Structures are given as C-alpha cells and as structure tokens.
C-alpha cells in the first residue's frame, strides 16, 4: 500500500480521518458512492471540503493511487468529484487509480478551485 507522504492524516481538531496507517489484514475496505444529502452536518461538509482541498494540493489534475487514503472519506466524493481512471475499476484495491473530475469539483467546491487551471 502506497503511503502518501505529506498528505494530512485528518481534519485538524476533529476525528475526521483522511488516511489510514496500515493495510487492513482482513481485507480492503471498498470505495462506494455515498449520497450527500442537503441536511448533512456543517462539520461533515467542512471535512469534505478539507479533504478535496488536500487532494487538489497534493495531486492536482493528475491521476493518483488510492494507497492509504481513507475509503470512507473517498466514498463521499466518489463518482462525482473523484472518479476512477481505470475500466474496470477495482473498488477493493489499494493500487486503484483515481483522478479529480475538475468540472464537478469546481461546482461542488468553488472556494477551493477559484483560479484553478
């Protein structure tokens, strides 16, 4: 499992996790699309925005390996702001390649992508 050095481990001051420390010996947690409803708590929205900003700062518009990025946090953005590069996509692979979908990410998080390429 690739560890993304320099990527924040969590949202500061919270328990919202962005990375995992080690591979799960019982099996890889799959990435699945989670629906974000309008009534989500403000803290959850801040975590999504902070995670997206970290992805943008760390990877930009380039494909990246899932590695030690938290599956739960990725699932809140998956198939919208973050999409699979490969077809077929293996949601249970630490080597799965993902990329930021800039068009949708700009709409969802305009504060992060102001002035972005």
PDB file of N, CA and C in Angstrom:
ATOM      1  N   UNK A   1       0.846  -1.172   0.000  1.00  0.00           N
ATOM      2  CA  UNK A   1       0.000   0.000   0.000  1.00  0.00           C
ATOM      3  C   UNK A   1       0.892   1.236   0.000  1.00  0.00           C
ATOM      4  N   UNK A   2       0.668   2.087  -0.978  1.00  0.00           N
ATOM      5  CA  UNK A   2       1.407   3.337  -1.087  1.00  0.00           C
ATOM      6  C   UNK A   2       0.959   4.307   0.000  1.00  0.00           C
ATOM      7  N   UNK A   3       1.919   4.876   0.725  1.00  0.00           N
ATOM      8  CA  UNK A   3       1.605   5.901   1.716  1.00  0.00           C
ATOM      9  C   UNK A   3       1.907   7.255   1.102  1.00  0.00           C
ATOM     10  N   UNK A   4       0.913   8.115   1.091  1.00  0.00           N
ATOM     11  CA  UNK A   4       1.054   9.445   0.505  1.00  0.00           C
ATOM     12  C   UNK A   4       1.699  10.365   1.533  1.00  0.00           C
ATOM     13  N   UNK A   5       3.008  10.482   1.455  1.00  0.00           N
ATOM     14  CA  UNK A   5       3.759  11.326   2.391  1.00  0.00           C
ATOM     15  C   UNK A   5       3.356  12.784   2.238  1.00  0.00           C
ATOM     16  N   UNK A   6       3.156  13.460   3.353  1.00  0.00           N
ATOM     17  CA  UNK A   6       2.792  14.863   3.328  1.00  0.00           C
ATOM     18  C   UNK A   6       1.297  15.113   3.244  1.00  0.00           C
ATOM     19  N   UNK A   7       0.508  14.069   3.015  1.00  0.00           N
ATOM     20  CA  UNK A   7      -0.942  14.224   2.956  1.00  0.00           C
ATOM     21  C   UNK A   7      -1.464  14.287   4.393  1.00  0.00           C
ATOM     22  N   UNK A   8      -2.367  15.223   4.717  1.00  0.00           N
ATOM     23  CA  UNK A   8      -2.852  15.321   6.100  1.00  0.00           C
ATOM     24  C   UNK A   8      -3.575  14.046   6.538  1.00  0.00           C
ATOM     25  N   UNK A   9      -3.337  13.635   7.761  1.00  0.00           N
ATOM     26  CA  UNK A   9      -3.943  12.416   8.284  1.00  0.00           C
ATOM     27  C   UNK A   9      -5.398  12.579   8.677  1.00  0.00           C
ATOM     28  N   UNK A  10      -5.767  13.810   9.041  1.00  0.00           N
ATOM     29  CA  UNK A  10      -7.141  14.080   9.456  1.00  0.00           C
ATOM     30  C   UNK A  10      -7.415  15.568   9.389  1.00  0.00           C
ATOM     31  N   UNK A  11      -8.688  15.924   9.557  1.00  0.00           N
ATOM     32  CA  UNK A  11      -9.062  17.325   9.639  1.00  0.00           C
ATOM     33  C   UNK A  11      -8.631  17.821  11.011  1.00  0.00           C
ATOM     34  N   UNK A  12      -7.789  18.846  11.081  1.00  0.00           N
ATOM     35  CA  UNK A  12      -7.294  19.317  12.369  1.00  0.00           C
ATOM     36  C   UNK A  12      -8.418  19.632  13.359  1.00  0.00           C
ATOM     37  N   UNK A  13      -8.234  19.181  14.592  1.00  0.00           N
ATOM     38  CA  UNK A  13      -9.188  19.442  15.655  1.00  0.00           C
ATOM     39  C   UNK A  13     -10.417  18.557  15.642  1.00  0.00           C
ATOM     40  N   UNK A  14     -10.443  17.539  14.768  1.00  0.00           N
ATOM     41  CA  UNK A  14     -11.600  16.644  14.669  1.00  0.00           C
ATOM     42  C   UNK A  14     -11.127  15.194  14.593  1.00  0.00           C
ATOM     43  N   UNK A  15     -12.088  14.288  14.545  1.00  0.00           N
ATOM     44  CA  UNK A  15     -11.792  12.872  14.338  1.00  0.00           C
ATOM     45  C   UNK A  15     -12.080  12.440  12.906  1.00  0.00           C
ATOM     46  N   UNK A  16     -12.220  13.404  11.984  1.00  0.00           N
ATOM     47  CA  UNK A  16     -12.452  13.062  10.584  1.00  0.00           C
ATOM     48  C   UNK A  16     -11.132  12.618   9.965  1.00  0.00           C
ATOM     49  N   UNK A  17     -11.040  11.330   9.676  1.00  0.00           N
ATOM     50  CA  UNK A  17      -9.815  10.703   9.188  1.00  0.00           C
ATOM     51  C   UNK A  17      -9.682  10.853   7.679  1.00  0.00           C
ATOM     52  N   UNK A  18      -8.459  11.175   7.205  1.00  0.00           N
ATOM     53  CA  UNK A  18      -8.187  11.288   5.777  1.00  0.00           C
ATOM     54  C   UNK A  18      -7.321  10.134   5.268  1.00  0.00           C
ATOM     55  N   UNK A  19      -6.476   9.583   6.125  1.00  0.00           N
ATOM     56  CA  UNK A  19      -5.603   8.471   5.725  1.00  0.00           C
ATOM     57  C   UNK A  19      -5.685   7.352   6.761  1.00  0.00           C
ATOM     58  N   UNK A  20      -5.227   6.182   6.338  1.00  0.00           N
ATOM     59  CA  UNK A  20      -5.127   5.055   7.259  1.00  0.00           C
ATOM     60  C   UNK A  20      -3.655   4.752   7.488  1.00  0.00           C
ATOM     61  N   UNK A  21      -3.350   4.141   8.619  1.00  0.00           N
ATOM     62  CA  UNK A  21      -1.950   3.879   8.962  1.00  0.00           C
ATOM     63  C   UNK A  21      -1.395   2.635   8.284  1.00  0.00           C
ATOM     64  N   UNK A  22      -2.226   1.608   8.191  1.00  0.00           N
ATOM     65  CA  UNK A  22      -1.744   0.352   7.613  1.00  0.00           C
ATOM     66  C   UNK A  22      -2.881  -0.365   6.887  1.00  0.00           C
ATOM     67  N   UNK A  23      -2.494  -1.276   6.025  1.00  0.00           N
ATOM     68  CA  UNK A  23      -3.473  -2.054   5.273  1.00  0.00           C
ATOM     69  C   UNK A  23      -4.296  -2.912   6.229  1.00  0.00           C
ATOM     70  N   UNK A  24      -5.548  -3.106   5.905  1.00  0.00           N
ATOM     71  CA  UNK A  24      -6.433  -3.920   6.715  1.00  0.00           C
ATOM     72  C   UNK A  24      -6.140  -5.394   6.448  1.00  0.00           C
ATOM     73  N   UNK A  25      -5.706  -6.151   7.453  1.00  0.00           N
ATOM     74  CA  UNK A  25      -5.369  -7.566   7.220  1.00  0.00           C
ATOM     75  C   UNK A  25      -6.591  -8.421   6.894  1.00  0.00           C
ATOM     76  N   UNK A  26      -7.785  -7.962   7.221  1.00  0.00           N
ATOM     77  CA  UNK A  26      -8.997  -8.736   6.954  1.00  0.00           C
ATOM     78  C   UNK A  26      -9.568  -8.465   5.570  1.00  0.00           C
ATOM     79  N   UNK A  27      -8.972  -7.523   4.846  1.00  0.00           N
ATOM     80  CA  UNK A  27      -9.452  -7.189   3.507  1.00  0.00           C
ATOM     81  C   UNK A  27      -9.573  -5.689   3.343  1.00  0.00           C
ATOM     82  N   UNK A  28      -9.506  -5.258   2.111  1.00  0.00           N
ATOM     83  CA  UNK A  28      -9.535  -3.845   1.790  1.00  0.00           C
ATOM     84  C   UNK A  28     -10.972  -3.325   1.855  1.00  0.00           C
ATOM     85  N   UNK A  29     -11.175  -2.205   2.503  1.00  0.00           N
ATOM     86  CA  UNK A  29     -12.491  -1.577   2.532  1.00  0.00           C
ATOM     87  C   UNK A  29     -12.786  -1.013   1.149  1.00  0.00           C
ATOM     88  N   UNK A  30     -13.897  -1.414   0.542  1.00  0.00           N
ATOM     89  CA  UNK A  30     -14.187  -0.932  -0.816  1.00  0.00           C
ATOM     90  C   UNK A  30     -14.612   0.538  -0.835  1.00  0.00           C
ATOM     91  N   UNK A  31     -14.311   1.198  -1.937  1.00  0.00           N
ATOM     92  CA  UNK A  31     -14.788   2.558  -2.168  1.00  0.00           C
ATOM     93  C   UNK A  31     -16.155   2.434  -2.831  1.00  0.00           C
ATOM     94  N   UNK A  32     -17.157   3.060  -2.254  1.00  0.00           N
ATOM     95  CA  UNK A  32     -18.512   3.048  -2.813  1.00  0.00           C
ATOM     96  C   UNK A  32     -19.040   4.471  -2.841  1.00  0.00           C
ATOM     97  N   UNK A  33     -19.957   4.735  -3.703  1.00  0.00           N
ATOM     98  CA  UNK A  33     -20.550   6.079  -3.784  1.00  0.00           C
ATOM     99  C   UNK A  33     -21.511   6.273  -2.608  1.00  0.00           C
ATOM    100  N   UNK A  34     -21.292   7.328  -1.838  1.00  0.00           N
ATOM    101  CA  UNK A  34     -22.195   7.686  -0.737  1.00  0.00           C
ATOM    102  C   UNK A  34     -22.928   8.966  -1.122  1.00  0.00           C
ATOM    103  N   UNK A  35     -24.209   8.980  -0.897  1.00  0.00           N
ATOM    104  CA  UNK A  35     -25.004  10.166  -1.221  1.00  0.00           C
ATOM    105  C   UNK A  35     -24.809  11.236  -0.153  1.00  0.00           C
ATOM    106  N   UNK A  36     -24.623  12.464  -0.615  1.00  0.00           N
ATOM    107  CA  UNK A  36     -24.516  13.606   0.289  1.00  0.00           C
ATOM    108  C   UNK A  36     -25.847  14.356   0.247  1.00  0.00           C
ATOM    109  N   UNK A  37     -26.591  14.235   1.316  1.00  0.00           N
ATOM    110  CA  UNK A  37     -27.890  14.891   1.380  1.00  0.00           C
ATOM    111  C   UNK A  37     -27.738  16.312   1.899  1.00  0.00           C
ATOM    112  N   UNK A  38     -28.707  17.163   1.598  1.00  0.00           N
ATOM    113  CA  UNK A  38     -28.664  18.573   1.972  1.00  0.00           C
ATOM    114  C   UNK A  38     -28.601  18.794   3.477  1.00  0.00           C
ATOM    115  N   UNK A  39     -29.115  17.861   4.253  1.00  0.00           N
ATOM    116  CA  UNK A  39     -29.163  18.053   5.698  1.00  0.00           C
ATOM    117  C   UNK A  39     -27.919  17.533   6.437  1.00  0.00           C
ATOM    118  N   UNK A  40     -26.827  17.321   5.703  1.00  0.00           N
ATOM    119  CA  UNK A  40     -25.582  16.895   6.365  1.00  0.00           C
ATOM    120  C   UNK A  40     -25.094  17.980   7.311  1.00  0.00           C
ATOM    121  N   UNK A  41     -24.452  17.557   8.368  1.00  0.00           N
ATOM    122  CA  UNK A  41     -23.950  18.489   9.372  1.00  0.00           C
ATOM    123  C   UNK A  41     -22.848  19.370   8.780  1.00  0.00           C
ATOM    124  N   UNK A  42     -22.739  20.610   9.257  1.00  0.00           N
ATOM    125  CA  UNK A  42     -21.683  21.510   8.776  1.00  0.00           C
ATOM    126  C   UNK A  42     -20.279  20.923   8.961  1.00  0.00           C
ATOM    127  N   UNK A  43     -20.062  20.182  10.026  1.00  0.00           N
ATOM    128  CA  UNK A  43     -18.742  19.571  10.251  1.00  0.00           C
ATOM    129  C   UNK A  43     -18.420  18.555   9.155  1.00  0.00           C
ATOM    130  N   UNK A  44     -19.429  17.795   8.721  1.00  0.00           N
ATOM    131  CA  UNK A  44     -19.226  16.831   7.636  1.00  0.00           C
ATOM    132  C   UNK A  44     -18.891  17.557   6.334  1.00  0.00           C
ATOM    133  N   UNK A  45     -19.559  18.662   6.091  1.00  0.00           N
ATOM    134  CA  UNK A  45     -19.292  19.448   4.883  1.00  0.00           C
ATOM    135  C   UNK A  45     -17.874  20.031   4.909  1.00  0.00           C
ATOM    136  N   UNK A  46     -17.442  20.494   6.089  1.00  0.00           N
ATOM    137  CA  UNK A  46     -16.080  21.024   6.222  1.00  0.00           C
ATOM    138  C   UNK A  46     -15.048  19.928   5.973  1.00  0.00           C
ATOM    139  N   UNK A  47     -15.336  18.721   6.458  1.00  0.00           N
ATOM    140  CA  UNK A  47     -14.417  17.596   6.243  1.00  0.00           C
ATOM    141  C   UNK A  47     -14.311  17.270   4.752  1.00  0.00           C
ATOM    142  N   UNK A  48     -15.440  17.261   4.048  1.00  0.00           N
ATOM    143  CA  UNK A  48     -15.419  17.015   2.600  1.00  0.00           C
ATOM    144  C   UNK A  48     -14.584  18.066   1.890  1.00  0.00           C
ATOM    145  N   UNK A  49     -14.796  19.327   2.245  1.00  0.00           N
ATOM    146  CA  UNK A  49     -14.070  20.417   1.593  1.00  0.00           C
ATOM    147  C   UNK A  49     -12.576  20.347   1.901  1.00  0.00           C
ATOM    148  N   UNK A  50     -12.229  20.063   3.145  1.00  0.00           N
ATOM    149  CA  UNK A  50     -10.813  19.977   3.521  1.00  0.00           C
ATOM    150  C   UNK A  50     -10.137  18.810   2.824  1.00  0.00           C
ATOM    151  N   UNK A  51     -10.837  17.681   2.709  1.00  0.00           N
ATOM    152  CA  UNK A  51     -10.274  16.514   2.027  1.00  0.00           C
ATOM    153  C   UNK A  51     -10.079  16.816   0.544  1.00  0.00           C
ATOM    154  N   UNK A  52     -11.078  17.450  -0.084  1.00  0.00           N
ATOM    155  CA  UNK A  52     -10.956  17.803  -1.500  1.00  0.00           C
ATOM    156  C   UNK A  52      -9.800  18.777  -1.703  1.00  0.00           C
ATOM    157  N   UNK A  53      -9.658  19.736  -0.812  1.00  0.00           N
ATOM    158  CA  UNK A  53      -8.556  20.691  -0.932  1.00  0.00           C
ATOM    159  C   UNK A  53      -7.204  19.994  -0.795  1.00  0.00           C
ATOM    160  N   UNK A  54      -7.114  19.031   0.118  1.00  0.00           N
ATOM    161  CA  UNK A  54      -5.871  18.271   0.278  1.00  0.00           C
ATOM    162  C   UNK A  54      -5.573  17.448  -0.980  1.00  0.00           C
ATOM    163  N   UNK A  55      -6.602  16.837  -1.553  1.00  0.00           N
ATOM    164  CA  UNK A  55      -6.408  16.087  -2.801  1.00  0.00           C
ATOM    165  C   UNK A  55      -5.904  17.017  -3.901  1.00  0.00           C
ATOM    166  N   UNK A  56      -6.516  18.182  -4.037  1.00  0.00           N
ATOM    167  CA  UNK A  56      -6.140  19.139  -5.076  1.00  0.00           C
ATOM    168  C   UNK A  56      -4.703  19.611  -4.878  1.00  0.00           C
ATOM    169  N   UNK A  57      -4.341  19.963  -3.656  1.00  0.00           N
ATOM    170  CA  UNK A  57      -2.993  20.457  -3.385  1.00  0.00           C
ATOM    171  C   UNK A  57      -1.942  19.361  -3.572  1.00  0.00           C
ATOM    172  N   UNK A  58      -2.313  18.136  -3.237  1.00  0.00           N
ATOM    173  CA  UNK A  58      -1.346  17.039  -3.297  1.00  0.00           C
ATOM    174  C   UNK A  58      -1.196  16.459  -4.707  1.00  0.00           C
ATOM    175  N   UNK A  59      -2.318  16.320  -5.436  1.00  0.00           N
ATOM    176  CA  UNK A  59      -2.286  15.618  -6.724  1.00  0.00           C
ATOM    177  C   UNK A  59      -2.621  16.503  -7.924  1.00  0.00           C
ATOM    178  N   UNK A  60      -3.310  17.615  -7.702  1.00  0.00           N
ATOM    179  CA  UNK A  60      -3.721  18.449  -8.828  1.00  0.00           C
ATOM    180  C   UNK A  60      -4.651  17.692  -9.756  1.00  0.00           C
ATOM    181  N   UNK A  61      -4.461  17.872 -11.046  1.00  0.00           N
ATOM    182  CA  UNK A  61      -5.329  17.204 -12.024  1.00  0.00           C
ATOM    183  C   UNK A  61      -4.752  15.882 -12.521  1.00  0.00           C
ATOM    184  N   UNK A  62      -3.734  15.383 -11.843  1.00  0.00           N
ATOM    185  CA  UNK A  62      -3.072  14.140 -12.248  1.00  0.00           C
ATOM    186  C   UNK A  62      -3.705  12.916 -11.575  1.00  0.00           C
ATOM    187  N   UNK A  63      -3.702  11.767 -12.252  1.00  0.00           N
ATOM    188  CA  UNK A  63      -4.195  10.536 -11.619  1.00  0.00           C
ATOM    189  C   UNK A  63      -3.346  10.199 -10.394  1.00  0.00           C
ATOM    190  N   UNK A  64      -3.992   9.598  -9.400  1.00  0.00           N
ATOM    191  CA  UNK A  64      -3.292   9.205  -8.185  1.00  0.00           C
ATOM    192  C   UNK A  64      -3.764   7.833  -7.724  1.00  0.00           C
ATOM    193  N   UNK A  65      -2.887   7.147  -7.023  1.00  0.00           N
ATOM    194  CA  UNK A  65      -3.188   5.834  -6.482  1.00  0.00           C
ATOM    195  C   UNK A  65      -3.936   5.990  -5.164  1.00  0.00           C
ATOM    196  N   UNK A  66      -4.909   5.138  -4.934  1.00  0.00           N
ATOM    197  CA  UNK A  66      -5.675   5.189  -3.687  1.00  0.00           C
ATOM    198  C   UNK A  66      -4.758   5.094  -2.484  1.00  0.00           C
ATOM    199  N   UNK A  67      -3.887   4.123  -2.474  1.00  0.00           N
ATOM    200  CA  UNK A  67      -2.919   3.973  -1.395  1.00  0.00           C
ATOM    201  C   UNK A  67      -3.553   4.010  -0.027  1.00  0.00           C
ATOM    202  N   UNK A  68      -3.024   4.874   0.851  1.00  0.00           N
ATOM    203  CA  UNK A  68      -3.510   4.918   2.232  1.00  0.00           C
ATOM    204  C   UNK A  68      -4.612   5.948   2.456  1.00  0.00           C
ATOM    205  N   UNK A  69      -5.231   6.444   1.387  1.00  0.00           N
ATOM    206  CA  UNK A  69      -6.343   7.373   1.547  1.00  0.00           C
ATOM    207  C   UNK A  69      -7.558   6.619   2.090  1.00  0.00           C
ATOM    208  N   UNK A  70      -8.251   7.219   3.034  1.00  0.00           N
ATOM    209  CA  UNK A  70      -9.374   6.574   3.715  1.00  0.00           C
ATOM    210  C   UNK A  70     -10.531   6.310   2.749  1.00  0.00           C
ATOM    211  N   UNK A  71     -10.980   5.054   2.697  1.00  0.00           N
ATOM    212  CA  UNK A  71     -12.062   4.666   1.790  1.00  0.00           C
ATOM    213  C   UNK A  71     -13.365   5.378   2.128  1.00  0.00           C
ATOM    214  N   UNK A  72     -13.644   5.547   3.409  1.00  0.00           N
ATOM    215  CA  UNK A  72     -14.871   6.224   3.809  1.00  0.00           C
ATOM    216  C   UNK A  72     -14.904   7.665   3.337  1.00  0.00           C
ATOM    217  N   UNK A  73     -13.795   8.374   3.499  1.00  0.00           N
ATOM    218  CA  UNK A  73     -13.730   9.777   3.088  1.00  0.00           C
ATOM    219  C   UNK A  73     -13.776   9.876   1.561  1.00  0.00           C
ATOM    220  N   UNK A  74     -13.077   8.975   0.861  1.00  0.00           N
ATOM    221  CA  UNK A  74     -13.134   8.967  -0.609  1.00  0.00           C
ATOM    222  C   UNK A  74     -14.550   8.678  -1.111  1.00  0.00           C
ATOM    223  N   UNK A  75     -15.272   7.823  -0.386  1.00  0.00           N
ATOM    224  CA  UNK A  75     -16.616   7.436  -0.819  1.00  0.00           C
ATOM    225  C   UNK A  75     -17.582   8.610  -0.860  1.00  0.00           C
ATOM    226  N   UNK A  76     -17.365   9.633  -0.004  1.00  0.00           N
ATOM    227  CA  UNK A  76     -18.239  10.813  -0.035  1.00  0.00           C
ATOM    228  C   UNK A  76     -18.045  11.619  -1.314  1.00  0.00           C
ATOM    229  N   UNK A  77     -16.919  11.455  -1.994  1.00  0.00           N
ATOM    230  CA  UNK A  77     -16.632  12.206  -3.225  1.00  0.00           C
ATOM    231  C   UNK A  77     -16.670  11.327  -4.478  1.00  0.00           C
ATOM    232  N   UNK A  78     -16.664  10.013  -4.294  1.00  0.00           N
ATOM    233  CA  UNK A  78     -16.507   9.066  -5.399  1.00  0.00           C
ATOM    234  C   UNK A  78     -17.668   9.143  -6.388  1.00  0.00           C
ATOM    235  N   UNK A  79     -17.319   9.032  -7.661  1.00  0.00           N
ATOM    236  CA  UNK A  79     -18.219   9.077  -8.815  1.00  0.00           C
ATOM    237  C   UNK A  79     -18.849  10.453  -9.011  1.00  0.00           C
ATOM    238  N   UNK A  80     -18.313  11.461  -8.346  1.00  0.00           N
ATOM    239  CA  UNK A  80     -18.688  12.851  -8.587  1.00  0.00           C
ATOM    240  C   UNK A  80     -17.387  13.630  -8.757  1.00  0.00           C
ATOM    241  N   UNK A  81     -16.840  14.121  -7.640  1.00  0.00           N
ATOM    242  CA  UNK A  81     -15.617  14.922  -7.698  1.00  0.00           C
ATOM    243  C   UNK A  81     -14.365  14.071  -7.921  1.00  0.00           C
ATOM    244  N   UNK A  82     -14.403  12.827  -7.499  1.00  0.00           N
ATOM    245  CA  UNK A  82     -13.285  11.893  -7.700  1.00  0.00           C
ATOM    246  C   UNK A  82     -13.815  10.707  -8.486  1.00  0.00           C
ATOM    247  N   UNK A  83     -13.152  10.408  -9.605  1.00  0.00           N
ATOM    248  CA  UNK A  83     -13.615   9.314 -10.474  1.00  0.00           C
ATOM    249  C   UNK A  83     -12.477   8.328 -10.734  1.00  0.00           C
ATOM    250  N   UNK A  84     -12.875   7.135 -11.134  1.00  0.00           N
ATOM    251  CA  UNK A  84     -11.903   6.096 -11.458  1.00  0.00           C
ATOM    252  C   UNK A  84     -11.234   6.399 -12.796  1.00  0.00           C
ATOM    253  N   UNK A  85      -9.959   6.067 -12.889  1.00  0.00           N
ATOM    254  CA  UNK A  85      -9.218   6.225 -14.133  1.00  0.00           C
ATOM    255  C   UNK A  85      -9.345   4.957 -14.958  1.00  0.00           C
ATOM    256  N   UNK A  86      -9.353   3.824 -14.285  1.00  0.00           N
ATOM    257  CA  UNK A  86      -9.322   2.524 -14.950  1.00  0.00           C
ATOM    258  C   UNK A  86     -10.719   1.969 -15.184  1.00  0.00           C
ATOM    259  N   UNK A  87     -10.832   1.193 -16.240  1.00  0.00           N
ATOM    260  CA  UNK A  87     -12.058   0.465 -16.501  1.00  0.00           C
ATOM    261  C   UNK A  87     -11.669  -0.950 -16.898  1.00  0.00           C
ATOM    262  N   UNK A  88     -11.975  -1.958 -16.139  1.00  0.00           N
ATOM    263  CA  UNK A  88     -12.833  -1.943 -14.966  1.00  0.00           C
ATOM    264  C   UNK A  88     -12.089  -1.425 -13.729  1.00  0.00           C
ATOM    265  N   UNK A  89     -12.851  -0.822 -12.828  1.00  0.00           N
ATOM    266  CA  UNK A  89     -12.319  -0.271 -11.589  1.00  0.00           C
ATOM    267  C   UNK A  89     -12.485  -1.297 -10.474  1.00  0.00           C
ATOM    268  N   UNK A  90     -11.413  -1.504  -9.700  1.00  0.00           N
ATOM    269  CA  UNK A  90     -11.478  -2.412  -8.560  1.00  0.00           C
ATOM    270  C   UNK A  90     -11.607  -1.574  -7.290  1.00  0.00           C
ATOM    271  N   UNK A  91     -12.804  -1.490  -6.693  1.00  0.00           N
ATOM    272  CA  UNK A  91     -13.007  -0.657  -5.510  1.00  0.00           C
ATOM    273  C   UNK A  91     -12.306  -1.184  -4.263  1.00  0.00           C
ATOM    274  N   UNK A  92     -11.764  -2.405  -4.332  1.00  0.00           N
ATOM    275  CA  UNK A  92     -11.088  -3.007  -3.188  1.00  0.00           C
ATOM    276  C   UNK A  92      -9.581  -3.108  -3.383  1.00  0.00           C
ATOM    277  N   UNK A  93      -9.021  -2.251  -4.212  1.00  0.00           N
ATOM    278  CA  UNK A  93      -7.588  -2.279  -4.475  1.00  0.00           C
ATOM    279  C   UNK A  93      -6.914  -1.020  -3.960  1.00  0.00           C
ATOM    280  N   UNK A  94      -5.829  -1.198  -3.216  1.00  0.00           N
ATOM    281  CA  UNK A  94      -5.041  -0.050  -2.771  1.00  0.00           C
ATOM    282  C   UNK A  94      -4.297   0.582  -3.953  1.00  0.00           C
ATOM    283  N   UNK A  95      -4.162  -0.150  -5.068  1.00  0.00           N
ATOM    284  CA  UNK A  95      -3.454   0.346  -6.247  1.00  0.00           C
ATOM    285  C   UNK A  95      -4.397   1.011  -7.255  1.00  0.00           C
ATOM    286  N   UNK A  96      -5.686   1.074  -6.955  1.00  0.00           N
ATOM    287  CA  UNK A  96      -6.665   1.670  -7.872  1.00  0.00           C
ATOM    288  C   UNK A  96      -6.294   3.124  -8.171  1.00  0.00           C
ATOM    289  N   UNK A  97      -6.424   3.503  -9.445  1.00  0.00           N
ATOM    290  CA  UNK A  97      -6.108   4.871  -9.857  1.00  0.00           C
ATOM    291  C   UNK A  97      -7.372   5.722  -9.908  1.00  0.00           C
ATOM    292  N   UNK A  98      -7.259   6.917  -9.336  1.00  0.00           N
ATOM    293  CA  UNK A  98      -8.360   7.867  -9.286  1.00  0.00           C
ATOM    294  C   UNK A  98      -7.875   9.213  -9.817  1.00  0.00           C
ATOM    295  N   UNK A  99      -8.805  10.104 -10.120  1.00  0.00           N
ATOM    296  CA  UNK A  99      -8.462  11.445 -10.575  1.00  0.00           C
ATOM    297  C   UNK A  99      -9.596  12.387 -10.172  1.00  0.00           C
ATOM    298  N   UNK A 100      -9.256  13.643  -9.971  1.00  0.00           N
ATOM    299  CA  UNK A 100     -10.270  14.645  -9.651  1.00  0.00           C
ATOM    300  C   UNK A 100     -10.987  15.049 -10.937  1.00  0.00           C
ATOM    301  N   UNK A 101     -12.316  15.012 -10.901  1.00  0.00           N
ATOM    302  CA  UNK A 101     -13.141  15.487 -12.012  1.00  0.00           C
ATOM    303  C   UNK A 101     -13.297  16.994 -11.807  1.00  0.00           C
ATOM    304  N   UNK A 102     -12.472  17.775 -12.477  1.00  0.00           N
ATOM    305  CA  UNK A 102     -12.407  19.213 -12.229  1.00  0.00           C
ATOM    306  C   UNK A 102     -13.725  19.943 -12.475  1.00  0.00           C
ATOM    307  N   UNK A 103     -14.464  19.559 -13.485  1.00  0.00           N
ATOM    308  CA  UNK A 103     -15.714  20.259 -13.777  1.00  0.00           C
ATOM    309  C   UNK A 103     -16.693  20.153 -12.610  1.00  0.00           C
ATOM    310  N   UNK A 104     -16.869  18.966 -12.093  1.00  0.00           N
ATOM    311  CA  UNK A 104     -17.803  18.775 -10.978  1.00  0.00           C
ATOM    312  C   UNK A 104     -17.211  19.313  -9.682  1.00  0.00           C
ATOM    313  N   UNK A 105     -15.917  19.123  -9.478  1.00  0.00           N
ATOM    314  CA  UNK A 105     -15.278  19.623  -8.260  1.00  0.00           C
ATOM    315  C   UNK A 105     -15.380  21.144  -8.167  1.00  0.00           C
ATOM    316  N   UNK A 106     -15.238  21.840  -9.275  1.00  0.00           N
ATOM    317  CA  UNK A 106     -15.373  23.308  -9.293  1.00  0.00           C
ATOM    318  C   UNK A 106     -16.777  23.742  -8.888  1.00  0.00           C
ATOM    319  N   UNK A 107     -17.780  22.982  -9.326  1.00  0.00           N
ATOM    320  CA  UNK A 107     -19.164  23.299  -8.974  1.00  0.00           C
ATOM    321  C   UNK A 107     -19.436  23.014  -7.496  1.00  0.00           C
ATOM    322  N   UNK A 108     -18.916  21.911  -6.998  1.00  0.00           N
ATOM    323  CA  UNK A 108     -19.186  21.498  -5.628  1.00  0.00           C
ATOM    324  C   UNK A 108     -18.387  22.293  -4.599  1.00  0.00           C
ATOM    325  N   UNK A 109     -17.150  22.662  -4.951  1.00  0.00           N
ATOM    326  CA  UNK A 109     -16.256  23.350  -4.022  1.00  0.00           C
ATOM    327  C   UNK A 109     -15.628  24.568  -4.707  1.00  0.00           C
ATOM    328  N   UNK A 110     -16.422  25.570  -5.030  1.00  0.00           N
ATOM    329  CA  UNK A 110     -15.900  26.720  -5.790  1.00  0.00           C
ATOM    330  C   UNK A 110     -14.791  27.476  -5.054  1.00  0.00           C
ATOM    331  N   UNK A 111     -14.832  27.515  -3.730  1.00  0.00           N
ATOM    332  CA  UNK A 111     -13.792  28.244  -2.970  1.00  0.00           C
ATOM    333  C   UNK A 111     -12.412  27.636  -3.152  1.00  0.00           C
ATOM    334  N   UNK A 112     -12.364  26.339  -3.347  1.00  0.00           N
ATOM    335  CA  UNK A 112     -11.074  25.644  -3.494  1.00  0.00           C
ATOM    336  C   UNK A 112     -10.509  25.859  -4.893  1.00  0.00           C
ATOM    337  N   UNK A 113     -11.371  25.901  -5.879  1.00  0.00           N
ATOM    338  CA  UNK A 113     -10.915  25.889  -7.275  1.00  0.00           C
ATOM    339  C   UNK A 113     -10.974  27.258  -7.942  1.00  0.00           C
ATOM    340  N   UNK A 114     -11.168  28.327  -7.201  1.00  0.00           N
ATOM    341  CA  UNK A 114     -11.104  29.669  -7.791  1.00  0.00           C
ATOM    342  C   UNK A 114      -9.729  29.883  -8.381  1.00  0.00           C
ATOM    343  N   UNK A 115      -9.677  30.204  -9.642  1.00  0.00           N
ATOM    344  CA  UNK A 115      -8.404  30.451 -10.300  1.00  0.00           C
ATOM    345  C   UNK A 115      -7.666  29.194 -10.702  1.00  0.00           C
ATOM    346  N   UNK A 116      -8.270  28.027 -10.498  1.00  0.00           N
ATOM    347  CA  UNK A 116      -7.614  26.774 -10.891  1.00  0.00           C
ATOM    348  C   UNK A 116      -7.638  26.634 -12.402  1.00  0.00           C
ATOM    349  N   UNK A 117      -6.649  25.929 -12.901  1.00  0.00           N
ATOM    350  CA  UNK A 117      -6.490  25.729 -14.341  1.00  0.00           C
ATOM    351  C   UNK A 117      -7.765  25.388 -15.035  1.00  0.00           C
TER     352      UNK A 117
END
